[in-house]
N, C-alpha and C. Protein backbone atom coordinates (compact mmCIF):
# COMPACT_ATOMS: atom_id res chain seq x y z
N UNK A 1 2.94 150.62 64.85
CA UNK A 1 1.61 150.23 65.29
C UNK A 1 1.49 148.72 65.40
N UNK A 2 2.08 148.01 64.43
CA UNK A 2 2.01 146.55 64.46
C UNK A 2 2.72 146.01 65.70
N UNK A 3 3.92 146.53 66.00
CA UNK A 3 4.68 146.08 67.17
C UNK A 3 3.87 146.28 68.44
N UNK A 4 3.26 147.44 68.59
CA UNK A 4 2.45 147.72 69.78
C UNK A 4 1.30 146.74 69.88
N UNK A 5 0.58 146.55 68.78
CA UNK A 5 -0.57 145.64 68.76
C UNK A 5 -0.15 144.22 69.12
N UNK A 6 0.88 143.72 68.45
CA UNK A 6 1.30 142.33 68.65
C UNK A 6 1.84 142.10 70.06
N UNK A 7 2.61 143.04 70.57
CA UNK A 7 3.17 142.86 71.91
C UNK A 7 2.11 143.00 72.99
N UNK A 8 1.11 143.82 72.76
CA UNK A 8 0.01 143.91 73.74
C UNK A 8 -0.84 142.65 73.72
N UNK A 9 -1.02 142.04 72.55
CA UNK A 9 -1.75 140.77 72.47
C UNK A 9 -1.06 139.70 73.29
N UNK A 10 0.26 139.64 73.18
CA UNK A 10 1.04 138.64 73.90
C UNK A 10 1.17 139.00 75.38
N UNK A 11 1.50 140.24 75.64
CA UNK A 11 1.68 140.70 77.01
C UNK A 11 3.10 140.59 77.53
N UNK A 12 3.94 139.79 76.85
CA UNK A 12 5.32 139.59 77.29
C UNK A 12 6.25 139.79 76.11
N UNK A 13 7.30 140.59 76.32
CA UNK A 13 8.30 140.86 75.29
C UNK A 13 9.67 140.48 75.87
N UNK A 14 10.40 139.64 75.12
CA UNK A 14 11.73 139.22 75.55
C UNK A 14 12.74 139.89 74.62
N UNK A 15 13.78 140.47 75.22
CA UNK A 15 14.82 141.13 74.43
C UNK A 15 16.14 141.10 75.18
N UNK A 16 17.19 141.43 74.45
CA UNK A 16 18.50 141.54 75.06
C UNK A 16 18.69 142.91 75.69
N UNK A 17 19.78 143.04 76.46
CA UNK A 17 20.03 144.29 77.17
C UNK A 17 20.25 145.46 76.22
N UNK A 18 20.99 145.25 75.13
CA UNK A 18 21.23 146.36 74.20
C UNK A 18 19.93 146.84 73.57
N UNK A 19 19.06 145.92 73.21
CA UNK A 19 17.76 146.31 72.65
C UNK A 19 16.94 147.07 73.70
N UNK A 20 16.96 146.57 74.94
CA UNK A 20 16.24 147.28 76.00
C UNK A 20 16.81 148.68 76.20
N UNK A 21 18.13 148.81 76.14
CA UNK A 21 18.74 150.12 76.34
C UNK A 21 18.28 151.12 75.28
N UNK A 22 17.96 150.65 74.06
CA UNK A 22 17.46 151.57 73.04
C UNK A 22 16.04 152.04 73.36
N UNK A 23 15.27 151.18 74.05
CA UNK A 23 13.91 151.56 74.48
C UNK A 23 14.00 152.35 75.78
N UNK A 24 14.76 151.81 76.73
CA UNK A 24 15.09 152.52 77.95
C UNK A 24 14.01 152.66 79.02
N UNK A 25 12.86 152.04 78.79
CA UNK A 25 11.78 152.18 79.78
C UNK A 25 10.79 151.02 79.65
N UNK A 26 9.96 150.82 80.66
CA UNK A 26 8.91 149.81 80.55
C UNK A 26 7.94 150.16 79.42
N UNK A 27 7.26 149.15 78.90
CA UNK A 27 6.23 149.35 77.88
C UNK A 27 4.87 149.19 78.53
N UNK A 28 4.00 150.14 78.31
CA UNK A 28 2.68 150.13 78.93
C UNK A 28 1.92 148.85 78.56
N UNK A 29 1.34 148.23 79.56
CA UNK A 29 0.50 147.03 79.41
C UNK A 29 1.27 145.80 78.92
N UNK A 30 2.60 145.78 79.08
CA UNK A 30 3.41 144.64 78.68
C UNK A 30 4.52 144.42 79.69
N UNK A 31 4.86 143.15 79.88
CA UNK A 31 6.01 142.81 80.72
C UNK A 31 7.22 142.63 79.80
N UNK A 32 8.36 143.16 80.20
CA UNK A 32 9.59 142.98 79.44
C UNK A 32 10.52 142.08 80.24
N UNK A 33 11.04 141.05 79.58
CA UNK A 33 12.07 140.20 80.16
C UNK A 33 13.35 140.52 79.40
N UNK A 34 14.36 141.01 80.12
CA UNK A 34 15.63 141.41 79.51
C UNK A 34 16.67 140.34 79.82
N UNK A 35 17.20 139.73 78.75
CA UNK A 35 18.26 138.73 78.92
C UNK A 35 19.59 139.46 78.96
N UNK A 36 20.36 139.20 80.03
CA UNK A 36 21.65 139.87 80.20
C UNK A 36 22.59 139.00 81.01
N UNK A 37 23.86 139.08 80.69
CA UNK A 37 24.87 138.37 81.49
C UNK A 37 25.13 139.12 82.79
N UNK A 38 24.89 140.43 82.79
CA UNK A 38 25.15 141.27 83.96
C UNK A 38 23.92 141.44 84.83
N UNK A 39 23.21 140.35 85.09
CA UNK A 39 21.96 140.43 85.84
C UNK A 39 22.18 141.01 87.24
N UNK A 40 23.35 140.79 87.83
CA UNK A 40 23.62 141.31 89.18
C UNK A 40 23.78 142.83 89.18
N UNK A 41 24.02 143.41 88.02
CA UNK A 41 24.16 144.87 87.91
C UNK A 41 22.83 145.58 87.70
N UNK A 42 21.75 144.80 87.54
CA UNK A 42 20.44 145.37 87.20
C UNK A 42 19.44 145.09 88.30
N UNK A 43 18.50 145.98 88.48
CA UNK A 43 17.42 145.80 89.44
C UNK A 43 16.10 145.78 88.70
N UNK A 44 15.29 144.77 88.98
CA UNK A 44 13.97 144.70 88.36
C UNK A 44 13.17 145.94 88.74
N UNK A 45 12.43 146.45 87.78
CA UNK A 45 11.52 147.56 88.02
C UNK A 45 10.15 147.13 87.56
N UNK A 46 9.13 147.88 87.90
CA UNK A 46 7.77 147.53 87.53
C UNK A 46 7.66 147.34 86.02
N UNK A 47 7.33 146.13 85.60
CA UNK A 47 7.16 145.85 84.18
C UNK A 47 8.41 145.38 83.47
N UNK A 48 9.56 145.37 84.15
CA UNK A 48 10.82 144.95 83.54
C UNK A 48 11.57 144.04 84.51
N UNK A 49 11.93 142.84 84.02
CA UNK A 49 12.76 141.95 84.84
C UNK A 49 14.00 141.57 84.04
N UNK A 50 15.10 141.41 84.75
CA UNK A 50 16.39 141.08 84.15
C UNK A 50 16.75 139.65 84.55
N UNK A 51 17.26 138.87 83.58
CA UNK A 51 17.58 137.48 83.87
C UNK A 51 18.80 137.03 83.08
N UNK A 52 19.49 136.04 83.64
CA UNK A 52 20.58 135.39 82.93
C UNK A 52 20.22 133.94 82.61
N UNK A 53 18.93 133.61 82.69
CA UNK A 53 18.46 132.26 82.38
C UNK A 53 18.52 132.01 80.87
N UNK A 54 18.51 130.74 80.50
CA UNK A 54 18.49 130.36 79.10
C UNK A 54 17.11 130.64 78.50
N UNK A 55 17.05 130.62 77.18
CA UNK A 55 15.78 130.84 76.48
C UNK A 55 14.73 129.82 76.93
N UNK A 56 15.10 128.55 76.99
CA UNK A 56 14.13 127.52 77.37
C UNK A 56 13.69 127.66 78.83
N UNK A 57 14.59 128.08 79.71
CA UNK A 57 14.21 128.30 81.12
C UNK A 57 13.22 129.45 81.24
N UNK A 58 13.46 130.51 80.48
CA UNK A 58 12.53 131.65 80.51
C UNK A 58 11.15 131.22 80.04
N UNK A 59 11.10 130.50 78.94
CA UNK A 59 9.81 130.04 78.40
C UNK A 59 9.12 129.11 79.40
N UNK A 60 9.88 128.21 80.00
CA UNK A 60 9.32 127.30 81.00
C UNK A 60 8.72 128.08 82.17
N UNK A 61 9.44 129.08 82.67
CA UNK A 61 8.93 129.91 83.78
C UNK A 61 7.65 130.64 83.38
N UNK A 62 7.66 131.22 82.17
CA UNK A 62 6.49 131.96 81.71
C UNK A 62 5.28 131.05 81.52
N UNK A 63 5.51 129.84 80.98
CA UNK A 63 4.41 128.88 80.84
C UNK A 63 3.84 128.52 82.21
N UNK A 64 4.73 128.36 83.20
CA UNK A 64 4.29 128.07 84.56
C UNK A 64 3.43 129.17 85.15
N UNK A 65 3.63 130.40 84.66
CA UNK A 65 2.83 131.54 85.10
C UNK A 65 1.57 131.72 84.25
N UNK A 66 1.33 130.77 83.31
CA UNK A 66 0.13 130.83 82.48
C UNK A 66 0.28 131.58 81.17
N UNK A 67 1.48 131.97 80.83
CA UNK A 67 1.73 132.69 79.58
C UNK A 67 1.67 131.72 78.40
N UNK A 68 0.94 132.09 77.35
CA UNK A 68 0.79 131.22 76.19
C UNK A 68 1.61 131.67 74.99
N UNK A 69 1.99 132.94 74.93
CA UNK A 69 2.81 133.41 73.82
C UNK A 69 3.66 134.58 74.27
N UNK A 70 4.78 134.76 73.58
CA UNK A 70 5.68 135.88 73.85
C UNK A 70 6.13 136.45 72.52
N UNK A 71 6.65 137.65 72.56
CA UNK A 71 7.28 138.26 71.41
C UNK A 71 8.77 138.36 71.72
N UNK A 72 9.59 137.82 70.83
CA UNK A 72 11.04 137.95 70.96
C UNK A 72 11.43 139.14 70.09
N UNK A 73 11.99 140.16 70.73
CA UNK A 73 12.22 141.43 70.05
C UNK A 73 13.69 141.76 69.82
N UNK A 74 14.55 140.75 69.85
CA UNK A 74 15.95 141.00 69.47
C UNK A 74 16.85 141.28 70.64
N UNK A 75 18.04 141.46 70.30
CA UNK A 75 18.81 141.55 69.09
C UNK A 75 19.21 140.22 68.51
N UNK A 76 20.22 140.26 67.66
CA UNK A 76 20.64 139.11 66.88
C UNK A 76 20.98 137.90 67.76
N UNK A 77 21.70 138.10 68.84
CA UNK A 77 22.09 136.96 69.69
C UNK A 77 20.88 136.36 70.40
N UNK A 78 19.90 137.17 70.72
CA UNK A 78 18.68 136.67 71.37
C UNK A 78 17.87 135.86 70.36
N UNK A 79 17.71 136.38 69.14
CA UNK A 79 17.03 135.61 68.09
C UNK A 79 17.71 134.26 67.90
N UNK A 80 19.04 134.28 67.84
CA UNK A 80 19.80 133.04 67.64
C UNK A 80 19.50 132.03 68.75
N UNK A 81 19.52 132.47 70.00
CA UNK A 81 19.26 131.55 71.12
C UNK A 81 17.89 130.89 70.99
N UNK A 82 16.87 131.67 70.70
CA UNK A 82 15.51 131.13 70.61
C UNK A 82 15.33 130.26 69.36
N UNK A 83 15.93 130.66 68.25
CA UNK A 83 15.83 129.86 67.02
C UNK A 83 16.54 128.52 67.17
N UNK A 84 17.73 128.52 67.75
CA UNK A 84 18.48 127.27 67.92
C UNK A 84 17.75 126.28 68.81
N UNK A 85 16.96 126.77 69.76
CA UNK A 85 16.22 125.88 70.66
C UNK A 85 14.82 125.56 70.12
N UNK A 86 14.51 126.05 68.92
CA UNK A 86 13.22 125.75 68.31
C UNK A 86 12.04 126.40 69.02
N UNK A 87 12.27 127.56 69.62
CA UNK A 87 11.24 128.21 70.43
C UNK A 87 10.47 129.30 69.69
N UNK A 88 10.82 129.55 68.44
CA UNK A 88 10.10 130.56 67.65
C UNK A 88 9.29 129.85 66.59
N UNK A 89 8.01 130.19 66.52
CA UNK A 89 7.11 129.56 65.54
C UNK A 89 6.81 130.46 64.36
N UNK A 90 6.78 131.77 64.59
CA UNK A 90 6.41 132.71 63.54
C UNK A 90 7.40 133.86 63.49
N UNK A 91 7.58 134.39 62.30
CA UNK A 91 8.53 135.47 62.07
C UNK A 91 7.81 136.56 61.30
N UNK A 92 7.90 137.78 61.80
CA UNK A 92 7.31 138.94 61.14
C UNK A 92 8.44 139.87 60.71
N UNK A 93 8.51 140.15 59.43
CA UNK A 93 9.55 141.03 58.90
C UNK A 93 8.91 142.25 58.28
N UNK A 94 9.42 143.41 58.63
CA UNK A 94 8.97 144.65 58.02
C UNK A 94 9.97 145.03 56.94
N UNK A 95 9.47 145.27 55.75
CA UNK A 95 10.33 145.67 54.64
C UNK A 95 10.07 147.14 54.35
N UNK A 96 11.13 147.92 54.50
CA UNK A 96 11.06 149.36 54.25
C UNK A 96 11.78 149.67 52.94
N UNK A 97 11.35 150.69 52.19
CA UNK A 97 11.97 151.00 50.91
C UNK A 97 13.27 151.81 51.05
N UNK A 98 14.22 151.21 51.76
CA UNK A 98 15.52 151.86 51.97
C UNK A 98 16.59 150.80 51.76
N UNK A 99 17.61 151.13 50.98
CA UNK A 99 18.73 150.22 50.77
C UNK A 99 19.97 150.90 51.31
N UNK A 100 20.73 150.18 52.16
CA UNK A 100 21.98 150.73 52.64
C UNK A 100 23.02 149.63 52.67
N UNK A 101 24.27 150.01 52.65
CA UNK A 101 25.37 149.08 52.44
C UNK A 101 25.83 148.27 53.63
N UNK A 102 25.19 148.40 54.75
CA UNK A 102 25.60 147.65 55.92
C UNK A 102 24.54 147.76 56.99
N UNK A 103 24.75 147.07 58.07
CA UNK A 103 23.77 147.14 59.15
C UNK A 103 24.02 146.06 60.18
N UNK A 104 23.07 145.90 61.05
CA UNK A 104 23.14 144.91 62.12
C UNK A 104 22.57 143.60 61.60
N UNK A 105 23.26 142.49 61.86
CA UNK A 105 22.76 141.18 61.44
C UNK A 105 21.44 140.88 62.14
N UNK A 106 20.53 140.24 61.40
CA UNK A 106 19.29 139.77 62.00
C UNK A 106 19.59 138.61 62.94
N UNK A 107 20.41 137.69 62.46
CA UNK A 107 20.81 136.54 63.26
C UNK A 107 22.14 136.02 62.71
N UNK A 108 22.95 135.47 63.61
CA UNK A 108 24.24 134.89 63.22
C UNK A 108 24.19 133.39 63.52
N UNK A 109 25.10 132.66 62.92
CA UNK A 109 25.29 131.25 63.23
C UNK A 109 24.06 130.37 63.00
N UNK A 110 23.19 130.79 62.12
CA UNK A 110 22.07 129.96 61.68
C UNK A 110 22.29 129.78 60.18
N UNK A 111 22.61 128.56 59.77
CA UNK A 111 22.96 128.36 58.36
C UNK A 111 21.75 128.38 57.45
N UNK A 112 20.60 127.94 57.93
CA UNK A 112 19.41 127.89 57.08
C UNK A 112 18.16 127.90 57.97
N UNK A 113 17.16 128.60 57.50
CA UNK A 113 15.88 128.67 58.20
C UNK A 113 14.79 128.57 57.14
N UNK A 114 14.06 127.48 57.11
CA UNK A 114 12.99 127.30 56.13
C UNK A 114 11.71 127.93 56.64
N UNK A 115 11.09 128.73 55.77
CA UNK A 115 9.91 129.50 56.14
C UNK A 115 8.76 129.23 55.19
N UNK A 116 7.54 129.31 55.70
CA UNK A 116 6.33 129.20 54.89
C UNK A 116 5.62 130.54 54.95
N UNK A 117 5.35 131.12 53.80
CA UNK A 117 4.67 132.41 53.74
C UNK A 117 3.24 132.27 54.25
N UNK A 118 2.86 133.11 55.20
CA UNK A 118 1.52 133.11 55.76
C UNK A 118 0.71 134.29 55.23
N UNK A 119 1.33 135.48 55.24
CA UNK A 119 0.59 136.68 54.85
C UNK A 119 1.54 137.80 54.49
N UNK A 120 1.06 138.68 53.63
CA UNK A 120 1.77 139.91 53.28
C UNK A 120 0.75 141.04 53.37
N UNK A 121 1.12 142.12 54.06
CA UNK A 121 0.19 143.25 54.17
C UNK A 121 0.96 144.56 54.13
N UNK A 122 0.27 145.59 53.67
CA UNK A 122 0.87 146.92 53.59
C UNK A 122 0.85 147.58 54.96
N UNK A 123 1.90 148.32 55.22
CA UNK A 123 1.96 149.17 56.41
C UNK A 123 2.10 150.60 55.90
N UNK A 124 1.01 151.28 55.77
CA UNK A 124 1.06 152.64 55.25
C UNK A 124 1.32 152.65 53.76
N UNK A 125 1.94 153.73 53.30
CA UNK A 125 2.17 153.95 51.87
C UNK A 125 3.40 153.24 51.33
N UNK A 126 4.37 152.91 52.19
CA UNK A 126 5.65 152.44 51.67
C UNK A 126 6.10 151.08 52.19
N UNK A 127 5.74 150.72 53.38
CA UNK A 127 6.29 149.51 54.00
C UNK A 127 5.38 148.30 53.82
N UNK A 128 5.99 147.12 53.95
CA UNK A 128 5.27 145.86 53.83
C UNK A 128 5.62 144.99 55.04
N UNK A 129 4.62 144.33 55.58
CA UNK A 129 4.82 143.37 56.66
C UNK A 129 4.65 141.97 56.09
N UNK A 130 5.67 141.13 56.27
CA UNK A 130 5.62 139.76 55.78
C UNK A 130 5.59 138.84 56.99
N UNK A 131 4.62 137.94 57.03
CA UNK A 131 4.46 136.98 58.13
C UNK A 131 4.82 135.60 57.60
N UNK A 132 5.81 134.97 58.24
CA UNK A 132 6.22 133.61 57.89
C UNK A 132 6.01 132.69 59.08
N UNK A 133 5.72 131.43 58.79
CA UNK A 133 5.72 130.38 59.81
C UNK A 133 7.02 129.62 59.63
N UNK A 134 7.70 129.32 60.71
CA UNK A 134 8.95 128.56 60.64
C UNK A 134 8.61 127.09 60.49
N UNK A 135 9.13 126.48 59.43
CA UNK A 135 8.83 125.09 59.11
C UNK A 135 9.70 124.17 59.95
């Protein structure tokens, strides 16, 4: 519910091709920008555009179109690109009560990220949403 609310507020969601493939379709009332190296293999469809532009070029284009905020929805290499260019201001982490011995990295090649706690809220009976501002 939080993802839907936040992405509808922004109106634009940026993600990598693998993340888009897990969704596999446009999102109602939101534009999706898919970052991919194989842009020539993809055709834009209503609500979804494919690009091989850099993170800063995408943001510049969106600002030119009047966009004031976007949601970066992963994966790890996409987060890394936006974080390294200083293009992410806030980070929302969902904590679920599950522990497992491995998984997908949130981000690679970022040695340190200083965060300021903004808010903590419950998501239902078990999960917690933590909102940080990137310092």
